[in-house]
Amino acid sequence: MTNSIEETIGRFYECIKGDEHHRYKSWEHCYSYFQRNPNDYDVATLHLTMYLASWGMYRGSTFSLKKDYKFHMPITMELLKPEYSILNSPSLGQIHNNISTLFDLMKNIRDLYQMQGIPQEKVSDTLVTKILLGTLGCIPAYDRFFIAGMKYVEGVKHSSRLKDKHFESLVDWCNKEEKALLKAQNKIEKQSGISYPIMKIVDMYFWQIGYENRPKKKTTAKL
């Protein structure tokens, strides 16, 4: 399959187009609600919780599965602080100039979970970045397929743990491919009626590459 940006993202979005209640729609609902700068933290937290559940963060081994939705309330309140407005659906330039603010916010999210008794090592990069992608749209979700996808794209540094220098490398790649990313962004907006932030477009691209290149399960022929 071709890995051109627009076509690859189109393959990701195809499953959403065919199902009005697809689980990926939870991202749209959550992100759209947070874009209103809501004052109702309770409803905002419900949106965040449902989105996280739809996106695999309530599996059996996760700490969230053992908590009610209000457990995430301090995270919601932190995300909606005025000092983080610069990270809300930012342009590539805003992202590049505020990487330190972004990583400070990620640390604060980890600290807030730790204050509620969750060891920091249990608060994964995947969880923190999914929270930020679903609310502010300022960073892709660093999950298994996204990280795998980075291995197939030249010029993007990656590792098993998210570091600021690796994220800077991704932003540099985005700047080089800005024209193609914006074209894909405009196409998705026409189809969905929602302005997907640029980092969501990036998330879709790398995730789809990782998914399409995943190891295929071996099958044993029946005798």
N, C-alpha and C. Protein backbone atom coordinates (compact mmCIF):
# COMPACT_ATOMS: atom_id res chain seq x y z
N MET A 1 0.83 -1.21 0.00
CA MET A 1 0.00 0.00 0.00
C MET A 1 0.87 1.26 0.00
N THR A 2 0.40 2.29 -0.68
CA THR A 2 1.12 3.54 -0.69
C THR A 2 1.07 4.21 0.68
N ASN A 3 2.14 4.93 1.02
CA ASN A 3 2.16 5.62 2.30
C ASN A 3 2.13 7.14 2.11
N SER A 4 1.56 7.63 0.98
CA SER A 4 1.37 9.06 0.85
C SER A 4 0.47 9.52 1.98
N ILE A 5 0.70 10.72 2.45
CA ILE A 5 0.02 11.20 3.65
C ILE A 5 -1.50 11.21 3.47
N GLU A 6 -1.98 11.80 2.40
CA GLU A 6 -3.43 11.93 2.22
C GLU A 6 -4.11 10.57 2.08
N GLU A 7 -3.53 9.67 1.30
CA GLU A 7 -4.15 8.36 1.10
C GLU A 7 -4.10 7.51 2.36
N THR A 8 -3.00 7.59 3.09
CA THR A 8 -2.87 6.81 4.33
C THR A 8 -3.90 7.26 5.36
N ILE A 9 -4.05 8.56 5.52
CA ILE A 9 -5.03 9.10 6.46
C ILE A 9 -6.45 8.75 5.99
N GLY A 10 -6.65 8.76 4.69
CA GLY A 10 -7.95 8.38 4.15
C GLY A 10 -8.34 6.96 4.51
N ARG A 11 -7.37 6.06 4.52
CA ARG A 11 -7.65 4.67 4.90
C ARG A 11 -8.03 4.58 6.37
N PHE A 12 -7.41 5.39 7.21
CA PHE A 12 -7.77 5.42 8.63
C PHE A 12 -9.20 5.90 8.80
N TYR A 13 -9.55 6.97 8.10
CA TYR A 13 -10.85 7.60 8.31
C TYR A 13 -11.99 6.83 7.66
N GLU A 14 -11.69 5.92 6.77
CA GLU A 14 -12.72 5.19 6.05
C GLU A 14 -13.65 4.42 6.99
N CYS A 15 -13.08 3.85 8.06
CA CYS A 15 -13.91 3.07 8.99
C CYS A 15 -14.89 3.96 9.75
N ILE A 16 -14.52 5.21 9.99
CA ILE A 16 -15.41 6.13 10.69
C ILE A 16 -16.57 6.53 9.79
N LYS A 17 -16.28 6.75 8.53
CA LYS A 17 -17.31 7.19 7.59
C LYS A 17 -18.44 6.18 7.47
N GLY A 18 -18.12 4.90 7.65
CA GLY A 18 -19.12 3.86 7.46
C GLY A 18 -19.91 3.50 8.71
N ASP A 19 -19.62 4.15 9.84
CA ASP A 19 -20.29 3.81 11.09
C ASP A 19 -20.46 5.08 11.91
N GLU A 20 -21.68 5.59 11.99
CA GLU A 20 -21.92 6.85 12.71
C GLU A 20 -21.69 6.73 14.20
N HIS A 21 -21.61 5.50 14.72
CA HIS A 21 -21.36 5.30 16.15
C HIS A 21 -20.04 4.57 16.40
N HIS A 22 -19.12 4.69 15.47
CA HIS A 22 -17.81 4.05 15.63
C HIS A 22 -17.12 4.56 16.90
N ARG A 23 -16.33 3.70 17.53
CA ARG A 23 -15.68 4.09 18.77
C ARG A 23 -14.73 5.28 18.58
N TYR A 24 -14.19 5.45 17.38
CA TYR A 24 -13.32 6.59 17.13
C TYR A 24 -14.07 7.92 17.23
N LYS A 25 -15.40 7.87 17.12
CA LYS A 25 -16.20 9.07 17.27
C LYS A 25 -16.09 9.65 18.68
N SER A 26 -15.70 8.82 19.63
CA SER A 26 -15.55 9.31 21.00
C SER A 26 -14.50 10.41 21.07
N TRP A 27 -13.48 10.29 20.22
CA TRP A 27 -12.49 11.37 20.17
C TRP A 27 -13.16 12.67 19.71
N GLU A 28 -13.97 12.61 18.67
CA GLU A 28 -14.65 13.80 18.16
C GLU A 28 -15.51 14.45 19.24
N HIS A 29 -16.27 13.63 19.96
CA HIS A 29 -17.16 14.17 21.00
C HIS A 29 -16.36 14.84 22.11
N CYS A 30 -15.31 14.15 22.57
CA CYS A 30 -14.51 14.67 23.67
C CYS A 30 -13.78 15.95 23.26
N TYR A 31 -13.11 15.90 22.14
CA TYR A 31 -12.34 17.06 21.67
C TYR A 31 -13.25 18.26 21.42
N SER A 32 -14.38 18.03 20.78
CA SER A 32 -15.30 19.13 20.49
C SER A 32 -15.81 19.77 21.77
N TYR A 33 -16.07 18.95 22.78
CA TYR A 33 -16.57 19.52 24.04
C TYR A 33 -15.50 20.37 24.72
N PHE A 34 -14.27 19.90 24.75
CA PHE A 34 -13.20 20.67 25.39
C PHE A 34 -12.89 21.94 24.63
N GLN A 35 -13.17 21.97 23.33
CA GLN A 35 -12.92 23.18 22.56
C GLN A 35 -13.86 24.32 22.96
N ARG A 36 -14.92 24.01 23.65
CA ARG A 36 -15.86 25.05 24.11
C ARG A 36 -15.38 25.73 25.39
N ASN A 37 -14.20 25.32 25.88
CA ASN A 37 -13.68 25.83 27.16
C ASN A 37 -14.74 25.70 28.24
N PRO A 38 -15.19 24.48 28.51
CA PRO A 38 -16.35 24.27 29.38
C PRO A 38 -16.10 24.65 30.84
N ASN A 39 -17.16 25.08 31.49
CA ASN A 39 -17.12 25.33 32.94
C ASN A 39 -17.63 24.14 33.74
N ASP A 40 -18.31 23.23 33.05
CA ASP A 40 -18.87 22.06 33.72
C ASP A 40 -17.81 20.95 33.72
N TYR A 41 -17.02 20.90 34.78
CA TYR A 41 -15.95 19.91 34.85
C TYR A 41 -16.49 18.49 34.91
N ASP A 42 -17.67 18.34 35.47
CA ASP A 42 -18.25 17.00 35.59
C ASP A 42 -18.55 16.41 34.21
N VAL A 43 -19.22 17.16 33.36
CA VAL A 43 -19.53 16.68 32.02
C VAL A 43 -18.25 16.50 31.20
N ALA A 44 -17.32 17.43 31.35
CA ALA A 44 -16.05 17.32 30.63
C ALA A 44 -15.32 16.04 31.01
N THR A 45 -15.34 15.71 32.29
CA THR A 45 -14.67 14.50 32.76
C THR A 45 -15.38 13.24 32.25
N LEU A 46 -16.70 13.30 32.16
CA LEU A 46 -17.42 12.17 31.58
C LEU A 46 -17.02 11.95 30.13
N HIS A 47 -16.91 13.04 29.36
CA HIS A 47 -16.46 12.93 27.98
C HIS A 47 -15.06 12.32 27.91
N LEU A 48 -14.17 12.81 28.76
CA LEU A 48 -12.80 12.30 28.77
C LEU A 48 -12.77 10.81 29.11
N THR A 49 -13.55 10.42 30.11
CA THR A 49 -13.57 9.02 30.54
C THR A 49 -14.10 8.10 29.45
N MET A 50 -15.19 8.50 28.79
CA MET A 50 -15.74 7.67 27.72
C MET A 50 -14.77 7.55 26.56
N TYR A 51 -14.12 8.64 26.23
CA TYR A 51 -13.13 8.61 25.16
C TYR A 51 -11.98 7.67 25.51
N LEU A 52 -11.47 7.76 26.73
CA LEU A 52 -10.37 6.89 27.13
C LEU A 52 -10.78 5.42 27.11
N ALA A 53 -12.02 5.15 27.53
CA ALA A 53 -12.51 3.77 27.50
C ALA A 53 -12.62 3.26 26.06
N SER A 54 -13.13 4.11 25.17
CA SER A 54 -13.26 3.72 23.76
C SER A 54 -11.91 3.49 23.11
N TRP A 55 -10.91 4.18 23.60
CA TRP A 55 -9.58 4.11 23.00
C TRP A 55 -8.64 3.20 23.78
N GLY A 56 -9.20 2.23 24.48
CA GLY A 56 -8.40 1.14 25.04
C GLY A 56 -7.75 1.38 26.37
N MET A 57 -8.10 2.47 27.07
CA MET A 57 -7.41 2.78 28.32
C MET A 57 -8.16 2.27 29.55
N TYR A 58 -9.16 1.42 29.33
CA TYR A 58 -9.88 0.80 30.45
C TYR A 58 -9.81 -0.72 30.36
N ARG A 59 -8.71 -1.22 29.85
CA ARG A 59 -8.51 -2.67 29.80
C ARG A 59 -8.23 -3.19 31.21
N GLY A 60 -8.23 -4.51 31.34
CA GLY A 60 -8.17 -5.14 32.66
C GLY A 60 -6.98 -4.78 33.52
N SER A 61 -5.83 -4.46 32.91
CA SER A 61 -4.63 -4.19 33.69
C SER A 61 -4.45 -2.72 34.04
N THR A 62 -5.36 -1.87 33.61
CA THR A 62 -5.20 -0.43 33.84
C THR A 62 -5.79 -0.01 35.17
N PHE A 63 -5.20 1.01 35.78
CA PHE A 63 -5.73 1.49 37.07
C PHE A 63 -7.07 2.18 36.90
N SER A 64 -7.34 2.75 35.73
CA SER A 64 -8.60 3.46 35.52
C SER A 64 -9.81 2.55 35.66
N LEU A 65 -9.64 1.28 35.31
CA LEU A 65 -10.75 0.33 35.36
C LEU A 65 -11.29 0.17 36.78
N LYS A 66 -10.44 0.44 37.76
CA LYS A 66 -10.83 0.25 39.15
C LYS A 66 -11.37 1.53 39.80
N LYS A 67 -11.49 2.59 39.00
CA LYS A 67 -11.92 3.88 39.53
C LYS A 67 -13.17 4.37 38.81
N ASP A 68 -13.91 5.28 39.47
CA ASP A 68 -15.04 5.91 38.78
C ASP A 68 -14.53 7.10 37.97
N TYR A 69 -15.41 7.73 37.21
CA TYR A 69 -14.97 8.78 36.29
C TYR A 69 -14.44 10.01 37.03
N LYS A 70 -14.94 10.26 38.24
CA LYS A 70 -14.50 11.43 38.98
C LYS A 70 -13.02 11.38 39.36
N PHE A 71 -12.44 10.20 39.26
CA PHE A 71 -11.01 10.05 39.53
C PHE A 71 -10.18 10.92 38.59
N HIS A 72 -10.72 11.17 37.39
CA HIS A 72 -10.01 11.97 36.40
C HIS A 72 -10.32 13.47 36.50
N MET A 73 -11.16 13.86 37.46
CA MET A 73 -11.56 15.26 37.59
C MET A 73 -10.37 16.21 37.76
N PRO A 74 -9.37 15.89 38.60
CA PRO A 74 -8.23 16.82 38.73
C PRO A 74 -7.49 17.03 37.41
N ILE A 75 -7.49 16.01 36.56
CA ILE A 75 -6.84 16.13 35.26
C ILE A 75 -7.61 17.13 34.39
N THR A 76 -8.93 16.99 34.38
CA THR A 76 -9.77 17.92 33.62
C THR A 76 -9.53 19.35 34.07
N MET A 77 -9.50 19.58 35.36
CA MET A 77 -9.31 20.92 35.89
C MET A 77 -7.95 21.48 35.52
N GLU A 78 -6.94 20.64 35.49
CA GLU A 78 -5.60 21.08 35.09
C GLU A 78 -5.56 21.46 33.62
N LEU A 79 -6.17 20.63 32.78
CA LEU A 79 -6.17 20.87 31.34
C LEU A 79 -6.83 22.19 30.96
N LEU A 80 -7.82 22.60 31.74
CA LEU A 80 -8.60 23.78 31.41
C LEU A 80 -8.07 25.06 32.06
N LYS A 81 -6.89 24.99 32.66
CA LYS A 81 -6.28 26.19 33.23
C LYS A 81 -5.86 27.15 32.11
N PRO A 82 -6.01 28.44 32.31
CA PRO A 82 -5.70 29.42 31.26
C PRO A 82 -4.27 29.33 30.73
N GLU A 83 -3.32 28.94 31.56
CA GLU A 83 -1.92 28.90 31.12
C GLU A 83 -1.65 27.86 30.03
N TYR A 84 -2.61 26.96 29.83
CA TYR A 84 -2.43 25.95 28.80
C TYR A 84 -3.24 26.25 27.54
N SER A 85 -3.84 27.42 27.48
CA SER A 85 -4.65 27.75 26.31
C SER A 85 -3.81 27.79 25.04
N ILE A 86 -2.52 28.08 25.16
CA ILE A 86 -1.62 28.12 24.01
C ILE A 86 -1.47 26.74 23.37
N LEU A 87 -1.78 25.69 24.14
CA LEU A 87 -1.67 24.31 23.65
C LEU A 87 -2.99 23.80 23.09
N ASN A 88 -4.01 24.61 23.14
CA ASN A 88 -5.34 24.17 22.70
C ASN A 88 -5.45 24.27 21.18
N SER A 89 -5.46 23.12 20.50
CA SER A 89 -5.54 23.05 19.05
C SER A 89 -4.50 23.97 18.40
N PRO A 90 -3.23 23.79 18.75
CA PRO A 90 -2.21 24.73 18.30
C PRO A 90 -1.76 24.51 16.86
N SER A 91 -1.20 25.56 16.27
CA SER A 91 -0.54 25.44 14.98
C SER A 91 0.83 24.79 15.20
N LEU A 92 1.48 24.41 14.10
CA LEU A 92 2.82 23.81 14.23
C LEU A 92 3.79 24.79 14.87
N GLY A 93 3.68 26.08 14.52
CA GLY A 93 4.55 27.07 15.12
C GLY A 93 4.35 27.19 16.61
N GLN A 94 3.09 27.18 17.05
CA GLN A 94 2.80 27.25 18.48
C GLN A 94 3.33 26.02 19.21
N ILE A 95 3.20 24.87 18.59
CA ILE A 95 3.71 23.64 19.20
C ILE A 95 5.22 23.72 19.35
N HIS A 96 5.90 24.14 18.29
CA HIS A 96 7.36 24.22 18.31
C HIS A 96 7.85 25.17 19.40
N ASN A 97 7.14 26.27 19.60
CA ASN A 97 7.57 27.28 20.56
C ASN A 97 7.16 26.97 21.99
N ASN A 98 6.34 25.95 22.19
CA ASN A 98 5.82 25.66 23.53
C ASN A 98 6.00 24.21 23.94
N ILE A 99 7.05 23.57 23.43
CA ILE A 99 7.31 22.18 23.79
C ILE A 99 7.58 22.04 25.29
N SER A 100 8.29 22.99 25.87
CA SER A 100 8.56 22.92 27.31
C SER A 100 7.27 23.01 28.12
N THR A 101 6.33 23.86 27.69
CA THR A 101 5.04 23.97 28.37
C THR A 101 4.27 22.66 28.25
N LEU A 102 4.31 22.05 27.08
CA LEU A 102 3.64 20.77 26.86
C LEU A 102 4.19 19.70 27.79
N PHE A 103 5.50 19.61 27.89
CA PHE A 103 6.09 18.57 28.74
C PHE A 103 5.90 18.89 30.22
N ASP A 104 5.80 20.15 30.57
CA ASP A 104 5.45 20.50 31.95
C ASP A 104 4.03 20.03 32.28
N LEU A 105 3.12 20.19 31.33
CA LEU A 105 1.74 19.75 31.54
C LEU A 105 1.69 18.23 31.69
N MET A 106 2.44 17.52 30.87
CA MET A 106 2.46 16.06 30.98
C MET A 106 2.98 15.63 32.35
N LYS A 107 4.00 16.32 32.85
CA LYS A 107 4.51 16.01 34.19
C LYS A 107 3.45 16.30 35.25
N ASN A 108 2.73 17.40 35.10
CA ASN A 108 1.70 17.74 36.07
C ASN A 108 0.58 16.69 36.09
N ILE A 109 0.23 16.17 34.92
CA ILE A 109 -0.79 15.12 34.86
C ILE A 109 -0.32 13.88 35.62
N ARG A 110 0.93 13.50 35.40
CA ARG A 110 1.48 12.35 36.13
C ARG A 110 1.48 12.61 37.64
N ASP A 111 1.86 13.83 38.02
CA ASP A 111 1.90 14.17 39.45
C ASP A 111 0.50 14.11 40.07
N LEU A 112 -0.51 14.56 39.34
CA LEU A 112 -1.88 14.54 39.87
C LEU A 112 -2.37 13.11 40.09
N TYR A 113 -2.02 12.21 39.20
CA TYR A 113 -2.38 10.81 39.42
C TYR A 113 -1.60 10.24 40.61
N GLN A 114 -0.34 10.64 40.73
CA GLN A 114 0.46 10.15 41.85
C GLN A 114 -0.11 10.63 43.18
N MET A 115 -0.62 11.85 43.21
CA MET A 115 -1.22 12.39 44.43
C MET A 115 -2.45 11.60 44.84
N GLN A 116 -3.03 10.86 43.89
CA GLN A 116 -4.20 10.02 44.19
C GLN A 116 -3.81 8.56 44.41
N GLY A 117 -2.50 8.34 44.56
CA GLY A 117 -2.04 7.00 44.93
C GLY A 117 -1.57 6.12 43.79
N ILE A 118 -1.47 6.67 42.58
CA ILE A 118 -1.02 5.88 41.43
C ILE A 118 0.47 6.08 41.23
N PRO A 119 1.28 5.02 41.27
CA PRO A 119 2.73 5.19 41.03
C PRO A 119 2.99 5.77 39.64
N GLN A 120 3.99 6.63 39.53
CA GLN A 120 4.24 7.30 38.26
C GLN A 120 4.52 6.33 37.13
N GLU A 121 5.16 5.20 37.45
CA GLU A 121 5.46 4.23 36.40
C GLU A 121 4.20 3.60 35.80
N LYS A 122 3.07 3.73 36.51
CA LYS A 122 1.80 3.21 36.00
C LYS A 122 1.10 4.20 35.08
N VAL A 123 1.54 5.46 35.11
CA VAL A 123 0.94 6.48 34.27
C VAL A 123 1.75 6.55 32.98
N SER A 124 1.33 5.80 32.00
CA SER A 124 2.13 5.61 30.78
C SER A 124 2.09 6.82 29.86
N ASP A 125 3.09 6.87 28.96
CA ASP A 125 3.08 7.87 27.89
C ASP A 125 1.80 7.75 27.07
N THR A 126 1.36 6.53 26.86
CA THR A 126 0.16 6.29 26.07
C THR A 126 -1.05 6.99 26.70
N LEU A 127 -1.23 6.80 28.00
CA LEU A 127 -2.37 7.42 28.68
C LEU A 127 -2.28 8.94 28.63
N VAL A 128 -1.14 9.49 28.99
CA VAL A 128 -1.00 10.95 29.07
C VAL A 128 -1.21 11.59 27.70
N THR A 129 -0.61 11.02 26.67
CA THR A 129 -0.75 11.61 25.34
C THR A 129 -2.14 11.40 24.77
N LYS A 130 -2.81 10.30 25.11
CA LYS A 130 -4.19 10.13 24.67
C LYS A 130 -5.10 11.17 25.32
N ILE A 131 -4.85 11.47 26.58
CA ILE A 131 -5.61 12.51 27.26
C ILE A 131 -5.44 13.84 26.54
N LEU A 132 -4.21 14.19 26.20
CA LEU A 132 -3.94 15.47 25.55
C LEU A 132 -4.46 15.52 24.13
N LEU A 133 -4.39 14.41 23.42
CA LEU A 133 -4.93 14.37 22.05
C LEU A 133 -6.44 14.55 22.08
N GLY A 134 -7.10 13.96 23.06
CA GLY A 134 -8.56 14.00 23.12
C GLY A 134 -9.14 15.28 23.67
N THR A 135 -8.30 16.15 24.21
CA THR A 135 -8.81 17.36 24.85
C THR A 135 -8.26 18.63 24.20
N LEU A 136 -6.94 18.73 24.10
CA LEU A 136 -6.30 19.92 23.54
C LEU A 136 -5.83 19.71 22.10
N GLY A 137 -5.60 18.46 21.73
CA GLY A 137 -5.16 18.16 20.37
C GLY A 137 -3.75 18.65 20.07
N CYS A 138 -2.86 18.59 21.07
CA CYS A 138 -1.53 19.18 20.92
C CYS A 138 -0.41 18.18 20.74
N ILE A 139 -0.70 16.89 20.79
CA ILE A 139 0.32 15.87 20.62
C ILE A 139 -0.38 14.58 20.20
N PRO A 140 0.25 13.77 19.33
CA PRO A 140 -0.35 12.48 18.98
C PRO A 140 -0.37 11.54 20.18
N ALA A 141 -1.15 10.48 20.07
CA ALA A 141 -1.20 9.46 21.11
C ALA A 141 -0.08 8.45 20.86
N TYR A 142 0.86 8.40 21.77
CA TYR A 142 2.02 7.53 21.61
C TYR A 142 1.67 6.11 22.08
N ASP A 143 0.87 5.44 21.26
CA ASP A 143 0.52 4.06 21.56
C ASP A 143 1.35 3.12 20.69
N ARG A 144 1.05 1.84 20.75
CA ARG A 144 1.88 0.83 20.10
C ARG A 144 1.99 1.03 18.60
N PHE A 145 0.87 1.24 17.93
CA PHE A 145 0.91 1.36 16.48
C PHE A 145 1.51 2.69 16.03
N PHE A 146 1.28 3.76 16.80
CA PHE A 146 1.88 5.04 16.44
C PHE A 146 3.40 4.95 16.51
N ILE A 147 3.92 4.40 17.59
CA ILE A 147 5.37 4.26 17.74
C ILE A 147 5.94 3.36 16.66
N ALA A 148 5.22 2.28 16.35
CA ALA A 148 5.67 1.38 15.29
C ALA A 148 5.71 2.10 13.95
N GLY A 149 4.72 2.96 13.71
CA GLY A 149 4.66 3.68 12.45
C GLY A 149 5.83 4.62 12.26
N MET A 150 6.35 5.20 13.33
CA MET A 150 7.48 6.12 13.21
C MET A 150 8.73 5.43 12.65
N LYS A 151 8.83 4.13 12.85
CA LYS A 151 10.00 3.39 12.37
C LYS A 151 10.07 3.35 10.84
N TYR A 152 8.94 3.59 10.20
CA TYR A 152 8.87 3.49 8.74
C TYR A 152 8.96 4.85 8.04
N VAL A 153 9.14 5.91 8.81
CA VAL A 153 9.17 7.25 8.23
C VAL A 153 10.56 7.84 8.45
N GLU A 154 11.23 8.16 7.38
CA GLU A 154 12.60 8.66 7.44
C GLU A 154 12.65 10.04 8.11
N GLY A 155 13.64 10.21 8.98
CA GLY A 155 13.87 11.51 9.60
C GLY A 155 13.15 11.73 10.90
N VAL A 156 12.43 10.73 11.40
CA VAL A 156 11.71 10.88 12.67
C VAL A 156 12.37 10.01 13.73
N LYS A 157 12.88 10.64 14.77
CA LYS A 157 13.50 9.90 15.86
C LYS A 157 12.43 9.32 16.78
N HIS A 158 12.72 8.19 17.36
CA HIS A 158 11.73 7.57 18.23
C HIS A 158 12.43 6.68 19.26
N SER A 159 11.71 6.36 20.31
CA SER A 159 12.18 5.42 21.32
C SER A 159 10.97 4.87 22.04
N SER A 160 11.20 3.94 22.94
CA SER A 160 10.08 3.36 23.67
C SER A 160 9.49 4.33 24.69
N ARG A 161 10.26 5.35 25.06
CA ARG A 161 9.77 6.39 25.98
C ARG A 161 9.78 7.74 25.28
N LEU A 162 8.77 8.53 25.52
CA LEU A 162 8.63 9.84 24.89
C LEU A 162 9.57 10.84 25.55
N LYS A 163 10.40 11.48 24.74
CA LYS A 163 11.32 12.51 25.22
C LYS A 163 11.14 13.76 24.37
N ASP A 164 11.47 14.91 24.96
CA ASP A 164 11.25 16.16 24.24
C ASP A 164 12.04 16.24 22.94
N LYS A 165 13.26 15.70 22.91
CA LYS A 165 14.06 15.76 21.69
C LYS A 165 13.45 14.91 20.57
N HIS A 166 12.79 13.82 20.94
CA HIS A 166 12.13 12.99 19.93
C HIS A 166 10.87 13.68 19.42
N PHE A 167 10.16 14.35 20.31
CA PHE A 167 8.98 15.08 19.86
C PHE A 167 9.38 16.25 18.97
N GLU A 168 10.49 16.91 19.28
CA GLU A 168 11.00 17.98 18.42
C GLU A 168 11.28 17.44 17.02
N SER A 169 11.83 16.23 16.96
CA SER A 169 12.10 15.60 15.66
C SER A 169 10.81 15.40 14.88
N LEU A 170 9.75 14.99 15.56
CA LEU A 170 8.46 14.80 14.90
C LEU A 170 7.92 16.14 14.40
N VAL A 171 8.03 17.18 15.21
CA VAL A 171 7.55 18.50 14.80
C VAL A 171 8.34 19.00 13.59
N ASP A 172 9.65 18.74 13.56
CA ASP A 172 10.46 19.12 12.41
C ASP A 172 9.97 18.41 11.15
N TRP A 173 9.64 17.12 11.28
CA TRP A 173 9.11 16.38 10.14
C TRP A 173 7.78 16.99 9.70
N CYS A 174 6.94 17.35 10.65
CA CYS A 174 5.65 17.96 10.33
C CYS A 174 5.83 19.26 9.54
N ASN A 175 6.82 20.05 9.93
CA ASN A 175 7.07 21.30 9.21
C ASN A 175 7.47 21.04 7.76
N LYS A 176 8.26 19.99 7.54
CA LYS A 176 8.65 19.64 6.18
C LYS A 176 7.47 19.15 5.36
N GLU A 177 6.53 18.48 6.01
CA GLU A 177 5.38 17.90 5.32
C GLU A 177 4.10 18.71 5.55
N GLU A 178 4.25 19.96 5.95
CA GLU A 178 3.09 20.77 6.35
C GLU A 178 2.05 20.87 5.23
N LYS A 179 2.48 21.07 4.01
CA LYS A 179 1.54 21.22 2.90
C LYS A 179 0.66 19.99 2.75
N ALA A 180 1.26 18.81 2.79
CA ALA A 180 0.49 17.57 2.66
C ALA A 180 -0.42 17.34 3.86
N LEU A 181 0.07 17.68 5.05
CA LEU A 181 -0.74 17.51 6.26
C LEU A 181 -1.95 18.43 6.24
N LEU A 182 -1.75 19.68 5.82
CA LEU A 182 -2.86 20.63 5.76
C LEU A 182 -3.89 20.20 4.71
N LYS A 183 -3.42 19.64 3.62
CA LYS A 183 -4.34 19.15 2.59
C LYS A 183 -5.21 18.02 3.15
N ALA A 184 -4.58 17.09 3.86
CA ALA A 184 -5.34 16.00 4.49
C ALA A 184 -6.28 16.54 5.56
N GLN A 185 -5.83 17.53 6.32
CA GLN A 185 -6.66 18.15 7.35
C GLN A 185 -7.93 18.77 6.76
N ASN A 186 -7.76 19.50 5.66
CA ASN A 186 -8.91 20.14 5.01
C ASN A 186 -9.91 19.11 4.49
N LYS A 187 -9.39 18.01 3.96
CA LYS A 187 -10.26 16.97 3.43
C LYS A 187 -11.08 16.32 4.54
N ILE A 188 -10.44 16.04 5.68
CA ILE A 188 -11.13 15.44 6.81
C ILE A 188 -12.19 16.39 7.36
N GLU A 189 -11.88 17.68 7.40
CA GLU A 189 -12.85 18.65 7.90
C GLU A 189 -14.10 18.70 7.02
N LYS A 190 -13.92 18.60 5.72
CA LYS A 190 -15.07 18.59 4.81
C LYS A 190 -15.93 17.35 5.02
N GLN A 191 -15.30 16.23 5.34
CA GLN A 191 -16.03 14.98 5.53
C GLN A 191 -16.70 14.90 6.88
N SER A 192 -16.05 15.43 7.91
CA SER A 192 -16.54 15.26 9.28
C SER A 192 -17.30 16.47 9.81
N GLY A 193 -17.03 17.65 9.23
CA GLY A 193 -17.62 18.86 9.77
C GLY A 193 -16.91 19.34 11.02
N ILE A 194 -15.78 18.70 11.36
CA ILE A 194 -15.01 19.04 12.56
C ILE A 194 -13.60 19.40 12.13
N SER A 195 -13.06 20.45 12.71
CA SER A 195 -11.70 20.86 12.42
C SER A 195 -10.72 20.02 13.23
N TYR A 196 -10.25 18.93 12.63
CA TYR A 196 -9.27 18.08 13.30
C TYR A 196 -7.96 18.86 13.46
N PRO A 197 -7.38 18.91 14.67
CA PRO A 197 -6.10 19.61 14.85
C PRO A 197 -4.99 18.88 14.10
N ILE A 198 -3.94 19.60 13.79
CA ILE A 198 -2.88 19.04 12.97
C ILE A 198 -2.25 17.81 13.62
N MET A 199 -2.17 17.79 14.96
CA MET A 199 -1.55 16.63 15.62
C MET A 199 -2.46 15.40 15.58
N LYS A 200 -3.74 15.61 15.42
CA LYS A 200 -4.64 14.46 15.23
C LYS A 200 -4.42 13.87 13.83
N ILE A 201 -4.19 14.73 12.85
CA ILE A 201 -3.88 14.26 11.50
C ILE A 201 -2.58 13.46 11.51
N VAL A 202 -1.58 13.97 12.22
CA VAL A 202 -0.30 13.27 12.35
C VAL A 202 -0.50 11.92 13.05
N ASP A 203 -1.32 11.91 14.09
CA ASP A 203 -1.61 10.68 14.82
C ASP A 203 -2.22 9.62 13.90
N MET A 204 -3.16 10.02 13.07
CA MET A 204 -3.82 9.09 12.15
C MET A 204 -2.83 8.52 11.15
N TYR A 205 -1.95 9.36 10.66
CA TYR A 205 -0.98 8.93 9.64
C TYR A 205 -0.03 7.87 10.17
N PHE A 206 0.63 8.16 11.29
CA PHE A 206 1.61 7.21 11.82
C PHE A 206 0.94 5.95 12.36
N TRP A 207 -0.23 6.11 12.99
CA TRP A 207 -0.95 4.94 13.50
C TRP A 207 -1.30 3.99 12.36
N GLN A 208 -1.78 4.53 11.27
CA GLN A 208 -2.18 3.68 10.15
C GLN A 208 -0.99 2.94 9.56
N ILE A 209 0.16 3.60 9.47
CA ILE A 209 1.37 2.93 8.97
C ILE A 209 1.75 1.79 9.91
N GLY A 210 1.74 2.05 11.21
CA GLY A 210 2.08 1.01 12.16
C GLY A 210 1.11 -0.15 12.11
N TYR A 211 -0.17 0.16 11.96
CA TYR A 211 -1.19 -0.89 11.90
C TYR A 211 -1.03 -1.74 10.64
N GLU A 212 -0.78 -1.12 9.53
CA GLU A 212 -0.67 -1.86 8.27
C GLU A 212 0.60 -2.70 8.20
N ASN A 213 1.61 -2.34 8.99
CA ASN A 213 2.86 -3.09 9.00
C ASN A 213 3.01 -3.97 10.23
N ARG A 214 1.90 -4.19 10.95
CA ARG A 214 1.95 -5.04 12.13
C ARG A 214 2.28 -6.48 11.73
N PRO A 215 2.95 -7.23 12.59
CA PRO A 215 3.24 -8.64 12.29
C PRO A 215 1.94 -9.42 12.12
N LYS A 216 1.87 -10.19 11.08
CA LYS A 216 0.68 -11.00 10.83
C LYS A 216 0.72 -12.27 11.67
N LYS A 217 -0.43 -12.63 12.21
CA LYS A 217 -0.51 -13.85 13.02
C LYS A 217 -0.30 -15.07 12.15
N LYS A 218 0.47 -16.01 12.69
CA LYS A 218 0.70 -17.25 11.96
C LYS A 218 -0.51 -18.15 12.12
N THR A 219 -0.88 -18.80 11.06
CA THR A 219 -1.99 -19.75 11.10
C THR A 219 -1.49 -21.15 10.85
N THR A 220 -2.07 -22.09 11.54
CA THR A 220 -1.67 -23.50 11.38
C THR A 220 -2.72 -24.19 10.53
N ALA A 221 -2.27 -24.77 9.44
CA ALA A 221 -3.19 -25.45 8.54
C ALA A 221 -3.76 -26.70 9.21
N LYS A 222 -5.07 -26.90 9.04
CA LYS A 222 -5.71 -28.09 9.58
C LYS A 222 -5.43 -29.28 8.68
N LEU A 223 -5.18 -30.39 9.30
CA LEU A 223 -4.95 -31.63 8.53
C LEU A 223 -6.26 -32.27 8.16
